[in-house]
Amino acid sequence: MTAPSVFSFRLYVAGDGHNSMTAIANLTALCHARLEGRHQIEIVDVFGHPDRALADRIVMTPTLMRVEPGPTRRVIGTLQVADDVAAVLGLTGGD
């Protein structure tokens, strides 16, 4: 039997404003609901690390990247509609 995949996410935010905090809360809730124990979340503040945002071609915040498993997928916004976000990230069906 194969071990379940671990999903690695990188969430780019701009400071601690409302949209940033909403995206963090929504991503955390989504991961706990669908990937309990099988996820890693890295938060990158573009104000503190503009070089990272530039390297990943981030033009808007919040932007979520699914880093692993590949290929990379992106979602822009506060991640409010969990089912839509899960579909884009490939978290449907046999998660």
PDB file of N, CA and C in Angstrom:
ATOM      1  N   MET A   1       0.857  -1.182   0.000  1.00  0.00           N
ATOM      2  CA  MET A   1       0.000   0.000   0.000  1.00  0.00           C
ATOM      3  C   MET A   1       0.899   1.240   0.000  1.00  0.00           C
ATOM      4  N   THR A   2       0.590   2.213  -0.837  1.00  0.00           N
ATOM      5  CA  THR A   2       1.390   3.434  -0.921  1.00  0.00           C
ATOM      6  C   THR A   2       0.939   4.455   0.111  1.00  0.00           C
ATOM      7  N   ALA A   3       1.919   5.196   0.622  1.00  0.00           N
ATOM      8  CA  ALA A   3       1.608   6.258   1.573  1.00  0.00           C
ATOM      9  C   ALA A   3       0.915   7.397   0.832  1.00  0.00           C
ATOM     10  N   PRO A   4       0.004   8.092   1.504  1.00  0.00           N
ATOM     11  CA  PRO A   4      -0.684   9.194   0.855  1.00  0.00           C
ATOM     12  C   PRO A   4       0.296  10.312   0.501  1.00  0.00           C
ATOM     13  N   SER A   5       0.016  11.006  -0.591  1.00  0.00           N
ATOM     14  CA  SER A   5       0.853  12.131  -1.011  1.00  0.00           C
ATOM     15  C   SER A   5       0.813  13.252   0.014  1.00  0.00           C
ATOM     16  N   VAL A   6       1.948  13.921   0.165  1.00  0.00           N
ATOM     17  CA  VAL A   6       2.005  15.120   0.982  1.00  0.00           C
ATOM     18  C   VAL A   6       1.933  16.310   0.036  1.00  0.00           C
ATOM     19  N   PHE A   7       1.041  17.211   0.320  1.00  0.00           N
ATOM     20  CA  PHE A   7       0.856  18.395  -0.498  1.00  0.00           C
ATOM     21  C   PHE A   7       1.607  19.557   0.138  1.00  0.00           C
ATOM     22  N   SER A   8       2.360  20.262  -0.680  1.00  0.00           N
ATOM     23  CA  SER A   8       3.122  21.417  -0.222  1.00  0.00           C
ATOM     24  C   SER A   8       2.564  22.666  -0.903  1.00  0.00           C
ATOM     25  N   PHE A   9       2.199  23.650  -0.089  1.00  0.00           N
ATOM     26  CA  PHE A   9       1.611  24.882  -0.587  1.00  0.00           C
ATOM     27  C   PHE A   9       2.468  26.080  -0.189  1.00  0.00           C
ATOM     28  N   ARG A  10       2.493  27.083  -1.050  1.00  0.00           N
ATOM     29  CA  ARG A  10       3.146  28.354  -0.748  1.00  0.00           C
ATOM     30  C   ARG A  10       2.110  29.436  -1.003  1.00  0.00           C
ATOM     31  N   LEU A  11       1.805  30.192   0.048  1.00  0.00           N
ATOM     32  CA  LEU A  11       0.803  31.249  -0.054  1.00  0.00           C
ATOM     33  C   LEU A  11       1.500  32.597   0.049  1.00  0.00           C
ATOM     34  N   TYR A  12       1.396  33.373  -1.022  1.00  0.00           N
ATOM     35  CA  TYR A  12       1.961  34.714  -1.049  1.00  0.00           C
ATOM     36  C   TYR A  12       0.902  35.702  -0.579  1.00  0.00           C
ATOM     37  N   VAL A  13       1.248  36.504   0.426  1.00  0.00           N
ATOM     38  CA  VAL A  13       0.341  37.503   0.971  1.00  0.00           C
ATOM     39  C   VAL A  13       1.057  38.850   1.016  1.00  0.00           C
ATOM     40  N   ALA A  14       0.284  39.905   1.222  1.00  0.00           N
ATOM     41  CA  ALA A  14       0.837  41.259   1.342  1.00  0.00           C
ATOM     42  C   ALA A  14       0.517  41.774   2.738  1.00  0.00           C
ATOM     43  N   GLY A  15       1.437  41.563   3.659  1.00  0.00           N
ATOM     44  CA  GLY A  15       1.235  42.022   5.025  1.00  0.00           C
ATOM     45  C   GLY A  15       0.162  41.245   5.747  1.00  0.00           C
ATOM     46  N   ASP A  16      -0.442  41.909   6.744  1.00  0.00           N
ATOM     47  CA  ASP A  16      -1.452  41.231   7.561  1.00  0.00           C
ATOM     48  C   ASP A  16      -2.836  41.840   7.372  1.00  0.00           C
ATOM     49  N   GLY A  17      -3.105  42.302   6.170  1.00  0.00           N
ATOM     50  CA  GLY A  17      -4.411  42.877   5.861  1.00  0.00           C
ATOM     51  C   GLY A  17      -5.511  41.821   5.830  1.00  0.00           C
ATOM     52  N   HIS A  18      -6.723  42.297   5.654  1.00  0.00           N
ATOM     53  CA  HIS A  18      -7.902  41.428   5.683  1.00  0.00           C
ATOM     54  C   HIS A  18      -7.816  40.295   4.660  1.00  0.00           C
ATOM     55  N   ASN A  19      -7.488  40.606   3.414  1.00  0.00           N
ATOM     56  CA  ASN A  19      -7.428  39.560   2.387  1.00  0.00           C
ATOM     57  C   ASN A  19      -6.359  38.522   2.706  1.00  0.00           C
ATOM     58  N   SER A  20      -5.228  38.959   3.213  1.00  0.00           N
ATOM     59  CA  SER A  20      -4.158  38.029   3.578  1.00  0.00           C
ATOM     60  C   SER A  20      -4.619  37.082   4.684  1.00  0.00           C
ATOM     61  N   MET A  21      -5.207  37.646   5.726  1.00  0.00           N
ATOM     62  CA  MET A  21      -5.647  36.824   6.856  1.00  0.00           C
ATOM     63  C   MET A  21      -6.784  35.879   6.454  1.00  0.00           C
ATOM     64  N   THR A  22      -7.664  36.351   5.581  1.00  0.00           N
ATOM     65  CA  THR A  22      -8.761  35.503   5.099  1.00  0.00           C
ATOM     66  C   THR A  22      -8.214  34.330   4.296  1.00  0.00           C
ATOM     67  N   ALA A  23      -7.256  34.591   3.418  1.00  0.00           N
ATOM     68  CA  ALA A  23      -6.668  33.519   2.609  1.00  0.00           C
ATOM     69  C   ALA A  23      -5.966  32.489   3.489  1.00  0.00           C
ATOM     70  N   ILE A  24      -5.229  32.951   4.492  1.00  0.00           N
ATOM     71  CA  ILE A  24      -4.542  32.027   5.412  1.00  0.00           C
ATOM     72  C   ILE A  24      -5.555  31.158   6.142  1.00  0.00           C
ATOM     73  N   ALA A  25      -6.604  31.767   6.665  1.00  0.00           N
ATOM     74  CA  ALA A  25      -7.637  31.008   7.390  1.00  0.00           C
ATOM     75  C   ALA A  25      -8.337  30.010   6.483  1.00  0.00           C
ATOM     76  N   ASN A  26      -8.672  30.432   5.261  1.00  0.00           N
ATOM     77  CA  ASN A  26      -9.367  29.534   4.333  1.00  0.00           C
ATOM     78  C   ASN A  26      -8.480  28.372   3.897  1.00  0.00           C
ATOM     79  N   LEU A  27      -7.205  28.638   3.632  1.00  0.00           N
ATOM     80  CA  LEU A  27      -6.293  27.560   3.252  1.00  0.00           C
ATOM     81  C   LEU A  27      -6.100  26.582   4.407  1.00  0.00           C
ATOM     82  N   THR A  28      -5.933  27.101   5.596  1.00  0.00           N
ATOM     83  CA  THR A  28      -5.765  26.239   6.772  1.00  0.00           C
ATOM     84  C   THR A  28      -6.982  25.339   6.962  1.00  0.00           C
ATOM     85  N   ALA A  29      -8.175  25.918   6.852  1.00  0.00           N
ATOM     86  CA  ALA A  29      -9.402  25.131   6.999  1.00  0.00           C
ATOM     87  C   ALA A  29      -9.517  24.069   5.911  1.00  0.00           C
ATOM     88  N   LEU A  30      -9.209  24.434   4.665  1.00  0.00           N
ATOM     89  CA  LEU A  30      -9.268  23.483   3.557  1.00  0.00           C
ATOM     90  C   LEU A  30      -8.310  22.314   3.788  1.00  0.00           C
ATOM     91  N   CYS A  31      -7.098  22.628   4.200  1.00  0.00           N
ATOM     92  CA  CYS A  31      -6.107  21.571   4.435  1.00  0.00           C
ATOM     93  C   CYS A  31      -6.512  20.657   5.584  1.00  0.00           C
ATOM     94  N   HIS A  32      -7.050  21.235   6.657  1.00  0.00           N
ATOM     95  CA  HIS A  32      -7.484  20.404   7.777  1.00  0.00           C
ATOM     96  C   HIS A  32      -8.660  19.509   7.384  1.00  0.00           C
ATOM     97  N   ALA A  33      -9.546  20.019   6.531  1.00  0.00           N
ATOM     98  CA  ALA A  33     -10.709  19.245   6.121  1.00  0.00           C
ATOM     99  C   ALA A  33     -10.369  18.138   5.122  1.00  0.00           C
ATOM    100  N   ARG A  34      -9.427  18.396   4.217  1.00  0.00           N
ATOM    101  CA  ARG A  34      -9.179  17.451   3.123  1.00  0.00           C
ATOM    102  C   ARG A  34      -7.823  16.771   3.149  1.00  0.00           C
ATOM    103  N   LEU A  35      -6.872  17.334   3.901  1.00  0.00           N
ATOM    104  CA  LEU A  35      -5.504  16.798   3.863  1.00  0.00           C
ATOM    105  C   LEU A  35      -4.897  16.666   5.263  1.00  0.00           C
ATOM    106  N   GLU A  36      -5.695  16.357   6.232  1.00  0.00           N
ATOM    107  CA  GLU A  36      -5.206  16.291   7.607  1.00  0.00           C
ATOM    108  C   GLU A  36      -3.945  15.433   7.701  1.00  0.00           C
ATOM    109  N   GLY A  37      -2.863  16.044   8.174  1.00  0.00           N
ATOM    110  CA  GLY A  37      -1.609  15.329   8.350  1.00  0.00           C
ATOM    111  C   GLY A  37      -0.823  15.099   7.069  1.00  0.00           C
ATOM    112  N   ARG A  38      -1.323  15.615   5.945  1.00  0.00           N
ATOM    113  CA  ARG A  38      -0.649  15.386   4.655  1.00  0.00           C
ATOM    114  C   ARG A  38      -0.383  16.691   3.915  1.00  0.00           C
ATOM    115  N   HIS A  39      -0.094  17.756   4.664  1.00  0.00           N
ATOM    116  CA  HIS A  39       0.131  19.031   3.998  1.00  0.00           C
ATOM    117  C   HIS A  39       1.184  19.862   4.733  1.00  0.00           C
ATOM    118  N   GLN A  40       1.792  20.759   3.966  1.00  0.00           N
ATOM    119  CA  GLN A  40       2.713  21.752   4.502  1.00  0.00           C
ATOM    120  C   GLN A  40       2.322  23.085   3.884  1.00  0.00           C
ATOM    121  N   ILE A  41       2.317  24.124   4.703  1.00  0.00           N
ATOM    122  CA  ILE A  41       1.968  25.459   4.231  1.00  0.00           C
ATOM    123  C   ILE A  41       3.120  26.403   4.549  1.00  0.00           C
ATOM    124  N   GLU A  42       3.585  27.099   3.525  1.00  0.00           N
ATOM    125  CA  GLU A  42       4.588  28.145   3.704  1.00  0.00           C
ATOM    126  C   GLU A  42       3.922  29.476   3.358  1.00  0.00           C
ATOM    127  N   ILE A  43       4.002  30.427   4.269  1.00  0.00           N
ATOM    128  CA  ILE A  43       3.448  31.756   4.038  1.00  0.00           C
ATOM    129  C   ILE A  43       4.606  32.694   3.695  1.00  0.00           C
ATOM    130  N   VAL A  44       4.482  33.402   2.587  1.00  0.00           N
ATOM    131  CA  VAL A  44       5.519  34.344   2.162  1.00  0.00           C
ATOM    132  C   VAL A  44       4.886  35.728   2.051  1.00  0.00           C
ATOM    133  N   ASP A  45       5.383  36.666   2.856  1.00  0.00           N
ATOM    134  CA  ASP A  45       4.918  38.047   2.789  1.00  0.00           C
ATOM    135  C   ASP A  45       5.745  38.768   1.724  1.00  0.00           C
ATOM    136  N   VAL A  46       5.093  39.239   0.679  1.00  0.00           N
ATOM    137  CA  VAL A  46       5.815  39.878  -0.419  1.00  0.00           C
ATOM    138  C   VAL A  46       6.475  41.189   0.005  1.00  0.00           C
ATOM    139  N   PHE A  47       5.994  41.804   1.079  1.00  0.00           N
ATOM    140  CA  PHE A  47       6.645  43.020   1.571  1.00  0.00           C
ATOM    141  C   PHE A  47       8.018  42.701   2.147  1.00  0.00           C
ATOM    142  N   GLY A  48       8.140  41.568   2.786  1.00  0.00           N
ATOM    143  CA  GLY A  48       9.410  41.169   3.385  1.00  0.00           C
ATOM    144  C   GLY A  48      10.316  40.394   2.457  1.00  0.00           C
ATOM    145  N   HIS A  49       9.720  39.753   1.431  1.00  0.00           N
ATOM    146  CA  HIS A  49      10.485  38.897   0.522  1.00  0.00           C
ATOM    147  C   HIS A  49      10.078  39.126  -0.932  1.00  0.00           C
ATOM    148  N   PRO A  50      10.277  40.350  -1.435  1.00  0.00           N
ATOM    149  CA  PRO A  50       9.870  40.625  -2.817  1.00  0.00           C
ATOM    150  C   PRO A  50      10.638  39.781  -3.834  1.00  0.00           C
ATOM    151  N   ASP A  51      11.860  39.369  -3.491  1.00  0.00           N
ATOM    152  CA  ASP A  51      12.656  38.541  -4.392  1.00  0.00           C
ATOM    153  C   ASP A  51      12.012  37.187  -4.630  1.00  0.00           C
ATOM    154  N   ARG A  52      11.404  36.621  -3.595  1.00  0.00           N
ATOM    155  CA  ARG A  52      10.709  35.332  -3.733  1.00  0.00           C
ATOM    156  C   ARG A  52       9.503  35.478  -4.641  1.00  0.00           C
ATOM    157  N   ALA A  53       8.756  36.562  -4.454  1.00  0.00           N
ATOM    158  CA  ALA A  53       7.580  36.807  -5.303  1.00  0.00           C
ATOM    159  C   ALA A  53       8.003  36.985  -6.758  1.00  0.00           C
ATOM    160  N   LEU A  54       9.069  37.707  -6.974  1.00  0.00           N
ATOM    161  CA  LEU A  54       9.572  37.924  -8.322  1.00  0.00           C
ATOM    162  C   LEU A  54      10.009  36.606  -8.960  1.00  0.00           C
ATOM    163  N   ALA A  55      10.705  35.770  -8.190  1.00  0.00           N
ATOM    164  CA  ALA A  55      11.185  34.486  -8.708  1.00  0.00           C
ATOM    165  C   ALA A  55      10.027  33.569  -9.107  1.00  0.00           C
ATOM    166  N   ASP A  56       8.917  33.636  -8.370  1.00  0.00           N
ATOM    167  CA  ASP A  56       7.758  32.796  -8.667  1.00  0.00           C
ATOM    168  C   ASP A  56       6.739  33.506  -9.563  1.00  0.00           C
ATOM    169  N   ARG A  57       7.089  34.681 -10.049  1.00  0.00           N
ATOM    170  CA  ARG A  57       6.239  35.454 -10.956  1.00  0.00           C
ATOM    171  C   ARG A  57       4.866  35.776 -10.346  1.00  0.00           C
ATOM    172  N   ILE A  58       4.892  36.206  -9.107  1.00  0.00           N
ATOM    173  CA  ILE A  58       3.661  36.588  -8.412  1.00  0.00           C
ATOM    174  C   ILE A  58       3.363  38.046  -8.741  1.00  0.00           C
ATOM    175  N   VAL A  59       2.167  38.303  -9.288  1.00  0.00           N
ATOM    176  CA  VAL A  59       1.788  39.656  -9.658  1.00  0.00           C
ATOM    177  C   VAL A  59       0.617  40.188  -8.838  1.00  0.00           C
ATOM    178  N   MET A  60      -0.067  39.305  -8.120  1.00  0.00           N
ATOM    179  CA  MET A  60      -1.195  39.692  -7.269  1.00  0.00           C
ATOM    180  C   MET A  60      -1.132  38.889  -5.981  1.00  0.00           C
ATOM    181  N   THR A  61      -1.697  39.466  -4.934  1.00  0.00           N
ATOM    182  CA  THR A  61      -1.819  38.723  -3.684  1.00  0.00           C
ATOM    183  C   THR A  61      -3.256  38.821  -3.204  1.00  0.00           C
ATOM    184  N   PRO A  62      -3.698  37.823  -2.462  1.00  0.00           N
ATOM    185  CA  PRO A  62      -3.013  36.574  -2.174  1.00  0.00           C
ATOM    186  C   PRO A  62      -2.966  35.649  -3.401  1.00  0.00           C
ATOM    187  N   THR A  63      -1.869  34.933  -3.528  1.00  0.00           N
ATOM    188  CA  THR A  63      -1.721  33.891  -4.546  1.00  0.00           C
ATOM    189  C   THR A  63      -1.239  32.628  -3.866  1.00  0.00           C
ATOM    190  N   LEU A  64      -1.958  31.542  -4.119  1.00  0.00           N
ATOM    191  CA  LEU A  64      -1.596  30.236  -3.581  1.00  0.00           C
ATOM    192  C   LEU A  64      -0.968  29.402  -4.680  1.00  0.00           C
ATOM    193  N   MET A  65       0.143  28.781  -4.367  1.00  0.00           N
ATOM    194  CA  MET A  65       0.789  27.840  -5.287  1.00  0.00           C
ATOM    195  C   MET A  65       0.786  26.455  -4.656  1.00  0.00           C
ATOM    196  N   ARG A  66       0.363  25.473  -5.418  1.00  0.00           N
ATOM    197  CA  ARG A  66       0.583  24.079  -5.013  1.00  0.00           C
ATOM    198  C   ARG A  66       1.946  23.731  -5.579  1.00  0.00           C
ATOM    199  N   VAL A  67       2.920  23.521  -4.705  1.00  0.00           N
ATOM    200  CA  VAL A  67       4.289  23.252  -5.119  1.00  0.00           C
ATOM    201  C   VAL A  67       4.498  21.764  -5.363  1.00  0.00           C
ATOM    202  N   GLU A  68       4.016  20.953  -4.464  1.00  0.00           N
ATOM    203  CA  GLU A  68       4.120  19.492  -4.578  1.00  0.00           C
ATOM    204  C   GLU A  68       2.765  18.895  -4.275  1.00  0.00           C
ATOM    205  N   PRO A  69       2.371  17.842  -4.900  1.00  0.00           N
ATOM    206  CA  PRO A  69       3.034  17.238  -6.046  1.00  0.00           C
ATOM    207  C   PRO A  69       2.866  18.108  -7.281  1.00  0.00           C
ATOM    208  N   GLY A  70       3.820  17.992  -8.189  1.00  0.00           N
ATOM    209  CA  GLY A  70       3.779  18.761  -9.433  1.00  0.00           C
ATOM    210  C   GLY A  70       2.700  18.246 -10.346  1.00  0.00           C
ATOM    211  N   PRO A  71       2.337  18.946 -11.354  1.00  0.00           N
ATOM    212  CA  PRO A  71       2.846  20.259 -11.722  1.00  0.00           C
ATOM    213  C   PRO A  71       2.289  21.353 -10.812  1.00  0.00           C
ATOM    214  N   THR A  72       2.977  22.485 -10.797  1.00  0.00           N
ATOM    215  CA  THR A  72       2.544  23.620  -9.982  1.00  0.00           C
ATOM    216  C   THR A  72       1.179  24.109 -10.455  1.00  0.00           C
ATOM    217  N   ARG A  73       0.345  24.440  -9.485  1.00  0.00           N
ATOM    218  CA  ARG A  73      -0.964  25.039  -9.790  1.00  0.00           C
ATOM    219  C   ARG A  73      -1.105  26.292  -8.948  1.00  0.00           C
ATOM    220  N   ARG A  74      -1.868  27.267  -9.449  1.00  0.00           N
ATOM    221  CA  ARG A  74      -2.038  28.551  -8.760  1.00  0.00           C
ATOM    222  C   ARG A  74      -3.503  28.923  -8.633  1.00  0.00           C
ATOM    223  N   VAL A  75      -3.799  29.584  -7.518  1.00  0.00           N
ATOM    224  CA  VAL A  75      -5.125  30.149  -7.292  1.00  0.00           C
ATOM    225  C   VAL A  75      -4.900  31.555  -6.738  1.00  0.00           C
ATOM    226  N   ILE A  76      -5.569  32.524  -7.315  1.00  0.00           N
ATOM    227  CA  ILE A  76      -5.448  33.910  -6.863  1.00  0.00           C
ATOM    228  C   ILE A  76      -6.730  34.292  -6.139  1.00  0.00           C
ATOM    229  N   GLY A  77      -6.593  34.910  -4.975  1.00  0.00           N
ATOM    230  CA  GLY A  77      -7.751  35.383  -4.226  1.00  0.00           C
ATOM    231  C   GLY A  77      -7.743  34.864  -2.802  1.00  0.00           C
ATOM    232  N   THR A  78      -8.854  35.059  -2.128  1.00  0.00           N
ATOM    233  CA  THR A  78      -8.946  34.716  -0.706  1.00  0.00           C
ATOM    234  C   THR A  78      -9.364  33.273  -0.446  1.00  0.00           C
ATOM    235  N   LEU A  79      -9.535  32.489  -1.498  1.00  0.00           N
ATOM    236  CA  LEU A  79      -9.790  31.041  -1.379  1.00  0.00           C
ATOM    237  C   LEU A  79     -11.101  30.740  -0.666  1.00  0.00           C
ATOM    238  N   GLN A  80     -12.112  31.563  -0.892  1.00  0.00           N
ATOM    239  CA  GLN A  80     -13.369  31.435  -0.155  1.00  0.00           C
ATOM    240  C   GLN A  80     -14.234  30.248  -0.560  1.00  0.00           C
ATOM    241  N   VAL A  81     -14.224  29.871  -1.819  1.00  0.00           N
ATOM    242  CA  VAL A  81     -15.093  28.786  -2.267  1.00  0.00           C
ATOM    243  C   VAL A  81     -14.274  27.493  -2.251  1.00  0.00           C
ATOM    244  N   ALA A  82     -14.332  26.802  -1.132  1.00  0.00           N
ATOM    245  CA  ALA A  82     -13.456  25.650  -0.878  1.00  0.00           C
ATOM    246  C   ALA A  82     -13.543  24.587  -1.971  1.00  0.00           C
ATOM    247  N   ASP A  83     -14.725  24.275  -2.454  1.00  0.00           N
ATOM    248  CA  ASP A  83     -14.857  23.232  -3.478  1.00  0.00           C
ATOM    249  C   ASP A  83     -14.167  23.634  -4.783  1.00  0.00           C
ATOM    250  N   ASP A  84     -14.277  24.902  -5.162  1.00  0.00           N
ATOM    251  CA  ASP A  84     -13.614  25.379  -6.378  1.00  0.00           C
ATOM    252  C   ASP A  84     -12.097  25.374  -6.212  1.00  0.00           C
ATOM    253  N   VAL A  85     -11.627  25.828  -5.063  1.00  0.00           N
ATOM    254  CA  VAL A  85     -10.189  25.832  -4.790  1.00  0.00           C
ATOM    255  C   VAL A  85      -9.662  24.402  -4.796  1.00  0.00           C
ATOM    256  N   ALA A  86     -10.375  23.483  -4.156  1.00  0.00           N
ATOM    257  CA  ALA A  86      -9.966  22.081  -4.116  1.00  0.00           C
ATOM    258  C   ALA A  86      -9.887  21.493  -5.525  1.00  0.00           C
ATOM    259  N   ALA A  87     -10.833  21.837  -6.378  1.00  0.00           N
ATOM    260  CA  ALA A  87     -10.826  21.324  -7.744  1.00  0.00           C
ATOM    261  C   ALA A  87      -9.595  21.821  -8.516  1.00  0.00           C
ATOM    262  N   VAL A  88      -9.286  23.101  -8.403  1.00  0.00           N
ATOM    263  CA  VAL A  88      -8.120  23.654  -9.093  1.00  0.00           C
ATOM    264  C   VAL A  88      -6.831  23.018  -8.579  1.00  0.00           C
ATOM    265  N   LEU A  89      -6.773  22.763  -7.281  1.00  0.00           N
ATOM    266  CA  LEU A  89      -5.570  22.197  -6.677  1.00  0.00           C
ATOM    267  C   LEU A  89      -5.471  20.689  -6.839  1.00  0.00           C
ATOM    268  N   GLY A  90      -6.502  20.068  -7.408  1.00  0.00           N
ATOM    269  CA  GLY A  90      -6.477  18.632  -7.606  1.00  0.00           C
ATOM    270  C   GLY A  90      -6.748  17.836  -6.350  1.00  0.00           C
ATOM    271  N   LEU A  91      -7.578  18.386  -5.461  1.00  0.00           N
ATOM    272  CA  LEU A  91      -7.887  17.724  -4.188  1.00  0.00           C
ATOM    273  C   LEU A  91      -9.244  17.048  -4.204  1.00  0.00           C
ATOM    274  N   THR A  92      -9.724  16.676  -5.367  1.00  0.00           N
ATOM    275  CA  THR A  92     -11.028  16.023  -5.464  1.00  0.00           C
ATOM    276  C   THR A  92     -10.830  14.542  -5.694  1.00  0.00           C
ATOM    277  N   GLY A  93     -11.855  13.791  -5.472  1.00  0.00           N
ATOM    278  CA  GLY A  93     -11.804  12.352  -5.724  1.00  0.00           C
ATOM    279  C   GLY A  93     -10.924  11.623  -4.733  1.00  0.00           C
ATOM    280  N   GLY A  94      -9.906  10.936  -5.234  1.00  0.00           N
ATOM    281  CA  GLY A  94      -9.069  10.090  -4.383  1.00  0.00           C
ATOM    282  C   GLY A  94      -7.937  10.803  -3.705  1.00  0.00           C
ATOM    283  N   ASP A  95      -8.222  11.917  -3.046  1.00  0.00           N
ATOM    284  CA  ASP A  95      -7.180  12.694  -2.355  1.00  0.00           C
ATOM    285  C   ASP A  95      -6.226  11.784  -1.656  1.00  0.00           C
TER     286      ASP A  95
END
